[in-house]
Amino acid sequence: MTVSEELERLQALRERGALTEAEYAQAKARVLGGAPAGSMGAPGAPGAHNNFLHRLSRSATDRVIGGVCGGLGAHTGLPSWAWRVIFCISVFYFGIGLLFYLLLWIFIPAAAEAPAPPAAASP
């Protein structure tokens, strides 16, 4: 689909009331900026990666071994304890759970740690 066809389609959706003015402006900027139609990057960052795999990271706070289950729990609908149970059960299937956990531990980046709050000054 060409840019002009895409803009015509967006205009038609706006005229029918399917898009608000803000949604229309955002979609138009995305089309004119050359970002892929499926990317929903941060405002002001056209083409920013925002899909599941690019956001996935190991947890820095909810971790038992490597933070893989905590990271999966933070990015999916399952809590981290459920991911731990899934990995433990899958270890009994020829060790595939352990292998998968180790691969995720190696290839998923660690989450950026939040800065620690400043310590209170003693009198």
N, C-alpha and C. Protein backbone atom coordinates (compact mmCIF):
# COMPACT_ATOMS: atom_id res chain seq x y z
N MET A 1 0.85 -1.17 0.00
CA MET A 1 0.00 0.00 0.00
C MET A 1 0.90 1.24 0.00
N THR A 2 0.62 2.16 -0.87
CA THR A 2 1.43 3.37 -0.95
C THR A 2 1.06 4.34 0.16
N VAL A 3 1.88 5.35 0.34
CA VAL A 3 1.64 6.33 1.40
C VAL A 3 0.34 7.09 1.15
N SER A 4 0.09 7.46 -0.12
CA SER A 4 -1.14 8.21 -0.41
C SER A 4 -2.38 7.35 -0.15
N GLU A 5 -2.31 6.06 -0.48
CA GLU A 5 -3.45 5.18 -0.20
C GLU A 5 -3.67 5.02 1.30
N GLU A 6 -2.59 4.91 2.02
CA GLU A 6 -2.69 4.79 3.47
C GLU A 6 -3.30 6.05 4.09
N LEU A 7 -2.88 7.22 3.63
CA LEU A 7 -3.44 8.47 4.14
C LEU A 7 -4.91 8.60 3.78
N GLU A 8 -5.31 8.17 2.57
CA GLU A 8 -6.72 8.20 2.19
C GLU A 8 -7.55 7.28 3.08
N ARG A 9 -7.00 6.12 3.39
CA ARG A 9 -7.70 5.17 4.26
C ARG A 9 -7.85 5.75 5.66
N LEU A 10 -6.81 6.40 6.17
CA LEU A 10 -6.90 7.03 7.49
C LEU A 10 -7.92 8.16 7.50
N GLN A 11 -7.95 8.96 6.43
CA GLN A 11 -8.92 10.05 6.33
C GLN A 11 -10.34 9.51 6.33
N ALA A 12 -10.56 8.41 5.60
CA ALA A 12 -11.89 7.80 5.55
C ALA A 12 -12.30 7.29 6.93
N LEU A 13 -11.37 6.69 7.65
CA LEU A 13 -11.68 6.21 8.99
C LEU A 13 -12.01 7.37 9.93
N ARG A 14 -11.29 8.48 9.79
CA ARG A 14 -11.55 9.65 10.62
C ARG A 14 -12.93 10.24 10.31
N GLU A 15 -13.27 10.31 9.03
CA GLU A 15 -14.57 10.87 8.64
C GLU A 15 -15.72 10.02 9.13
N ARG A 16 -15.53 8.70 9.19
CA ARG A 16 -16.58 7.82 9.68
C ARG A 16 -16.67 7.82 11.19
N GLY A 17 -15.70 8.43 11.86
CA GLY A 17 -15.71 8.48 13.31
C GLY A 17 -15.02 7.30 13.97
N ALA A 18 -14.35 6.48 13.18
CA ALA A 18 -13.66 5.32 13.73
C ALA A 18 -12.35 5.73 14.42
N LEU A 19 -11.79 6.87 14.03
CA LEU A 19 -10.57 7.38 14.64
C LEU A 19 -10.82 8.75 15.25
N THR A 20 -10.27 8.96 16.43
CA THR A 20 -10.34 10.29 17.02
C THR A 20 -9.28 11.16 16.35
N GLU A 21 -9.31 12.44 16.62
CA GLU A 21 -8.33 13.35 16.03
C GLU A 21 -6.92 12.99 16.49
N ALA A 22 -6.78 12.62 17.76
CA ALA A 22 -5.46 12.26 18.28
C ALA A 22 -4.94 10.98 17.63
N GLU A 23 -5.82 9.98 17.47
CA GLU A 23 -5.42 8.74 16.82
C GLU A 23 -5.06 8.98 15.36
N TYR A 24 -5.83 9.84 14.70
CA TYR A 24 -5.55 10.17 13.30
C TYR A 24 -4.18 10.85 13.17
N ALA A 25 -3.91 11.81 14.05
CA ALA A 25 -2.63 12.51 14.00
C ALA A 25 -1.46 11.56 14.26
N GLN A 26 -1.63 10.64 15.22
CA GLN A 26 -0.58 9.69 15.53
C GLN A 26 -0.35 8.73 14.36
N ALA A 27 -1.42 8.23 13.77
CA ALA A 27 -1.30 7.31 12.64
C ALA A 27 -0.70 8.02 11.42
N LYS A 28 -1.10 9.25 11.20
CA LYS A 28 -0.56 10.01 10.07
C LYS A 28 0.93 10.26 10.25
N ALA A 29 1.33 10.60 11.47
CA ALA A 29 2.75 10.82 11.74
C ALA A 29 3.54 9.52 11.54
N ARG A 30 2.96 8.40 11.93
CA ARG A 30 3.62 7.12 11.76
C ARG A 30 3.80 6.79 10.29
N VAL A 31 2.76 7.06 9.48
CA VAL A 31 2.84 6.79 8.04
C VAL A 31 3.86 7.71 7.38
N LEU A 32 3.82 8.98 7.72
CA LEU A 32 4.74 9.93 7.10
C LEU A 32 6.16 9.77 7.61
N GLY A 33 6.31 9.26 8.85
CA GLY A 33 7.64 9.07 9.41
C GLY A 33 8.33 7.82 8.90
N GLY A 34 7.59 6.96 8.24
CA GLY A 34 8.17 5.76 7.68
C GLY A 34 8.25 4.60 8.65
N ALA A 35 7.64 4.71 9.83
CA ALA A 35 7.66 3.61 10.78
C ALA A 35 6.71 2.53 10.31
N PRO A 36 7.00 1.26 10.60
CA PRO A 36 6.09 0.19 10.22
C PRO A 36 4.74 0.37 10.88
N ALA A 37 3.68 -0.08 10.21
CA ALA A 37 2.33 0.13 10.70
C ALA A 37 2.10 -0.55 12.03
N GLY A 38 2.77 -1.66 12.32
CA GLY A 38 2.55 -2.40 13.55
C GLY A 38 3.35 -1.88 14.72
N SER A 39 4.31 -1.00 14.50
CA SER A 39 5.14 -0.55 15.62
C SER A 39 4.43 0.55 16.37
N MET A 40 4.48 0.44 17.68
CA MET A 40 3.85 1.44 18.54
C MET A 40 4.94 1.97 19.47
N GLY A 41 5.94 2.59 18.91
CA GLY A 41 7.09 3.06 19.67
C GLY A 41 6.73 4.19 20.61
N ALA A 42 7.68 4.58 21.38
CA ALA A 42 7.47 5.68 22.30
C ALA A 42 7.26 6.96 21.51
N PRO A 43 6.51 7.89 22.04
CA PRO A 43 6.30 9.14 21.32
C PRO A 43 7.63 9.81 21.03
N GLY A 44 7.77 10.26 19.82
CA GLY A 44 9.00 10.94 19.43
C GLY A 44 10.10 10.01 18.99
N ALA A 45 9.84 8.70 19.00
CA ALA A 45 10.85 7.72 18.58
C ALA A 45 10.27 6.84 17.50
N PRO A 46 10.21 7.33 16.26
CA PRO A 46 9.63 6.52 15.20
C PRO A 46 10.46 5.26 14.98
N GLY A 47 9.75 4.15 14.81
CA GLY A 47 10.41 2.88 14.55
C GLY A 47 10.96 2.21 15.80
N ALA A 48 10.62 2.72 16.98
CA ALA A 48 11.13 2.10 18.21
C ALA A 48 10.51 0.71 18.36
N HIS A 49 11.32 -0.21 18.87
CA HIS A 49 10.84 -1.58 19.04
C HIS A 49 9.95 -1.64 20.26
N ASN A 50 8.77 -2.20 20.09
CA ASN A 50 7.85 -2.28 21.20
C ASN A 50 7.13 -3.62 21.20
N ASN A 51 7.69 -4.65 20.56
CA ASN A 51 7.02 -5.92 20.61
C ASN A 51 7.49 -6.71 21.82
N PHE A 52 6.87 -7.85 22.06
CA PHE A 52 7.11 -8.64 23.26
C PHE A 52 8.58 -9.03 23.41
N LEU A 53 9.19 -9.52 22.35
CA LEU A 53 10.56 -10.01 22.46
C LEU A 53 11.57 -8.89 22.71
N HIS A 54 11.31 -7.71 22.21
CA HIS A 54 12.24 -6.61 22.44
C HIS A 54 12.09 -6.02 23.85
N ARG A 55 10.94 -6.19 24.47
CA ARG A 55 10.74 -5.68 25.83
C ARG A 55 11.14 -6.68 26.89
N LEU A 56 11.25 -7.96 26.53
CA LEU A 56 11.51 -9.02 27.49
C LEU A 56 12.88 -8.84 28.15
N SER A 57 12.90 -8.93 29.46
CA SER A 57 14.16 -8.81 30.21
C SER A 57 14.05 -9.63 31.48
N ARG A 58 15.22 -10.02 32.01
CA ARG A 58 15.25 -10.75 33.27
C ARG A 58 15.00 -9.79 34.42
N SER A 59 14.30 -10.25 35.42
CA SER A 59 13.96 -9.40 36.56
C SER A 59 15.18 -9.19 37.45
N ALA A 60 15.31 -7.99 37.94
CA ALA A 60 16.40 -7.68 38.88
C ALA A 60 15.93 -7.84 40.32
N THR A 61 14.63 -7.87 40.54
CA THR A 61 14.11 -7.95 41.91
C THR A 61 13.43 -9.28 42.20
N ASP A 62 12.65 -9.81 41.28
CA ASP A 62 11.93 -11.07 41.48
C ASP A 62 12.76 -12.20 40.88
N ARG A 63 13.79 -12.62 41.61
CA ARG A 63 14.67 -13.64 41.07
C ARG A 63 15.00 -14.67 42.14
N VAL A 64 15.12 -15.93 41.69
CA VAL A 64 15.59 -16.99 42.56
C VAL A 64 16.97 -17.42 42.10
N ILE A 65 17.12 -17.66 40.80
CA ILE A 65 18.43 -18.01 40.26
C ILE A 65 18.90 -16.91 39.31
N GLY A 66 18.25 -16.81 38.15
CA GLY A 66 18.72 -15.85 37.15
C GLY A 66 17.76 -14.73 36.84
N GLY A 67 16.55 -14.77 37.40
CA GLY A 67 15.58 -13.73 37.13
C GLY A 67 14.75 -13.98 35.88
N VAL A 68 14.90 -15.17 35.26
CA VAL A 68 14.17 -15.47 34.03
C VAL A 68 12.67 -15.57 34.31
N CYS A 69 12.30 -16.33 35.33
CA CYS A 69 10.88 -16.51 35.64
C CYS A 69 10.24 -15.20 36.10
N GLY A 70 10.97 -14.39 36.85
CA GLY A 70 10.46 -13.08 37.26
C GLY A 70 10.24 -12.18 36.07
N GLY A 71 11.16 -12.21 35.10
CA GLY A 71 10.99 -11.41 33.89
C GLY A 71 9.83 -11.88 33.04
N LEU A 72 9.69 -13.21 32.91
CA LEU A 72 8.54 -13.74 32.16
C LEU A 72 7.23 -13.39 32.87
N GLY A 73 7.24 -13.45 34.20
CA GLY A 73 6.04 -13.11 34.95
C GLY A 73 5.65 -11.64 34.80
N ALA A 74 6.65 -10.78 34.69
CA ALA A 74 6.37 -9.35 34.54
C ALA A 74 5.85 -9.01 33.15
N HIS A 75 6.16 -9.82 32.15
CA HIS A 75 5.80 -9.50 30.77
C HIS A 75 4.67 -10.35 30.22
N THR A 76 4.17 -11.30 31.01
CA THR A 76 3.06 -12.14 30.56
C THR A 76 1.95 -12.09 31.60
N GLY A 77 0.88 -12.79 31.35
CA GLY A 77 -0.24 -12.83 32.28
C GLY A 77 -0.02 -13.81 33.43
N LEU A 78 1.01 -14.65 33.34
CA LEU A 78 1.26 -15.64 34.39
C LEU A 78 2.20 -15.06 35.44
N PRO A 79 1.94 -15.33 36.73
CA PRO A 79 2.86 -14.85 37.76
C PRO A 79 4.17 -15.64 37.70
N SER A 80 5.20 -15.11 38.32
CA SER A 80 6.52 -15.74 38.24
C SER A 80 6.53 -17.11 38.89
N TRP A 81 5.73 -17.34 39.95
CA TRP A 81 5.71 -18.66 40.57
C TRP A 81 5.18 -19.70 39.61
N ALA A 82 4.25 -19.34 38.74
CA ALA A 82 3.72 -20.29 37.77
C ALA A 82 4.79 -20.66 36.74
N TRP A 83 5.60 -19.69 36.33
CA TRP A 83 6.71 -19.98 35.41
C TRP A 83 7.71 -20.91 36.09
N ARG A 84 7.95 -20.73 37.38
CA ARG A 84 8.88 -21.61 38.09
C ARG A 84 8.36 -23.04 38.14
N VAL A 85 7.07 -23.19 38.37
CA VAL A 85 6.45 -24.53 38.37
C VAL A 85 6.56 -25.16 36.99
N ILE A 86 6.29 -24.38 35.95
CA ILE A 86 6.38 -24.89 34.58
C ILE A 86 7.80 -25.37 34.27
N PHE A 87 8.80 -24.59 34.65
CA PHE A 87 10.18 -25.00 34.39
C PHE A 87 10.55 -26.23 35.21
N CYS A 88 10.11 -26.30 36.47
CA CYS A 88 10.42 -27.47 37.30
C CYS A 88 9.79 -28.74 36.74
N ILE A 89 8.55 -28.65 36.30
CA ILE A 89 7.88 -29.81 35.72
C ILE A 89 8.54 -30.22 34.41
N SER A 90 8.93 -29.24 33.62
CA SER A 90 9.51 -29.57 32.32
C SER A 90 10.94 -30.11 32.43
N VAL A 91 11.57 -29.99 33.60
CA VAL A 91 12.89 -30.60 33.80
C VAL A 91 12.77 -32.12 33.70
N PHE A 92 11.63 -32.67 34.11
CA PHE A 92 11.43 -34.11 34.07
C PHE A 92 11.25 -34.65 32.65
N TYR A 93 11.04 -33.79 31.69
CA TYR A 93 10.91 -34.20 30.29
C TYR A 93 12.25 -34.06 29.60
N PHE A 94 13.16 -35.00 29.90
CA PHE A 94 14.49 -35.07 29.30
C PHE A 94 15.32 -33.81 29.55
N GLY A 95 15.04 -33.10 30.62
CA GLY A 95 15.83 -31.93 30.97
C GLY A 95 15.59 -30.72 30.10
N ILE A 96 14.54 -30.74 29.29
CA ILE A 96 14.28 -29.64 28.35
C ILE A 96 14.02 -28.33 29.09
N GLY A 97 13.42 -28.39 30.27
CA GLY A 97 13.16 -27.17 31.03
C GLY A 97 14.44 -26.50 31.49
N LEU A 98 15.41 -27.32 31.93
CA LEU A 98 16.70 -26.78 32.35
C LEU A 98 17.44 -26.17 31.17
N LEU A 99 17.42 -26.86 30.05
CA LEU A 99 18.07 -26.34 28.85
C LEU A 99 17.43 -25.03 28.40
N PHE A 100 16.10 -24.99 28.38
CA PHE A 100 15.39 -23.79 27.97
C PHE A 100 15.67 -22.64 28.93
N TYR A 101 15.69 -22.93 30.25
CA TYR A 101 15.97 -21.90 31.24
C TYR A 101 17.37 -21.33 31.04
N LEU A 102 18.35 -22.20 30.84
CA LEU A 102 19.72 -21.73 30.64
C LEU A 102 19.84 -20.88 29.38
N LEU A 103 19.17 -21.27 28.30
CA LEU A 103 19.21 -20.48 27.08
C LEU A 103 18.58 -19.10 27.29
N LEU A 104 17.45 -19.06 28.00
CA LEU A 104 16.81 -17.78 28.29
C LEU A 104 17.71 -16.92 29.18
N TRP A 105 18.37 -17.54 30.14
CA TRP A 105 19.26 -16.82 31.04
C TRP A 105 20.41 -16.19 30.27
N ILE A 106 20.89 -16.90 29.26
CA ILE A 106 22.01 -16.39 28.46
C ILE A 106 21.56 -15.28 27.52
N PHE A 107 20.42 -15.47 26.84
CA PHE A 107 20.05 -14.57 25.75
C PHE A 107 19.11 -13.42 26.12
N ILE A 108 18.41 -13.51 27.25
CA ILE A 108 17.54 -12.40 27.65
C ILE A 108 18.36 -11.41 28.46
N PRO A 109 18.36 -10.14 28.10
CA PRO A 109 19.15 -9.16 28.84
C PRO A 109 18.56 -8.89 30.23
N ALA A 110 19.42 -8.52 31.14
CA ALA A 110 18.97 -8.18 32.49
C ALA A 110 18.23 -6.85 32.45
N ALA A 111 17.24 -6.71 33.31
CA ALA A 111 16.49 -5.46 33.38
C ALA A 111 17.36 -4.38 33.98
N ALA A 112 17.13 -3.18 33.54
CA ALA A 112 17.85 -2.04 34.12
C ALA A 112 17.35 -1.84 35.54
N GLU A 113 18.27 -1.82 36.46
CA GLU A 113 17.88 -1.67 37.87
C GLU A 113 17.51 -0.23 38.15
N ALA A 114 16.46 -0.07 38.94
CA ALA A 114 16.04 1.27 39.35
C ALA A 114 17.06 1.80 40.35
N PRO A 115 17.37 3.09 40.28
CA PRO A 115 18.34 3.63 41.23
C PRO A 115 17.82 3.52 42.66
N ALA A 116 18.72 3.20 43.57
CA ALA A 116 18.34 3.08 44.97
C ALA A 116 17.99 4.44 45.54
N PRO A 117 16.99 4.48 46.42
CA PRO A 117 16.65 5.79 47.02
C PRO A 117 17.80 6.28 47.87
N PRO A 118 17.98 7.59 47.95
CA PRO A 118 19.09 8.12 48.75
C PRO A 118 18.91 7.77 50.23
N ALA A 119 20.03 7.46 50.87
CA ALA A 119 19.99 7.12 52.30
C ALA A 119 19.69 8.37 53.12
N ALA A 120 18.93 8.16 54.16
CA ALA A 120 18.59 9.30 55.04
C ALA A 120 19.82 9.68 55.85
N ALA A 121 20.03 10.97 55.95
CA ALA A 121 21.20 11.47 56.70
C ALA A 121 20.96 11.31 58.20
N SER A 122 21.96 10.84 58.91
CA SER A 122 21.85 10.70 60.36
C SER A 122 22.16 12.04 61.02
N PRO A 123 21.46 12.34 62.11
CA PRO A 123 21.73 13.62 62.78
C PRO A 123 22.98 13.63 63.56
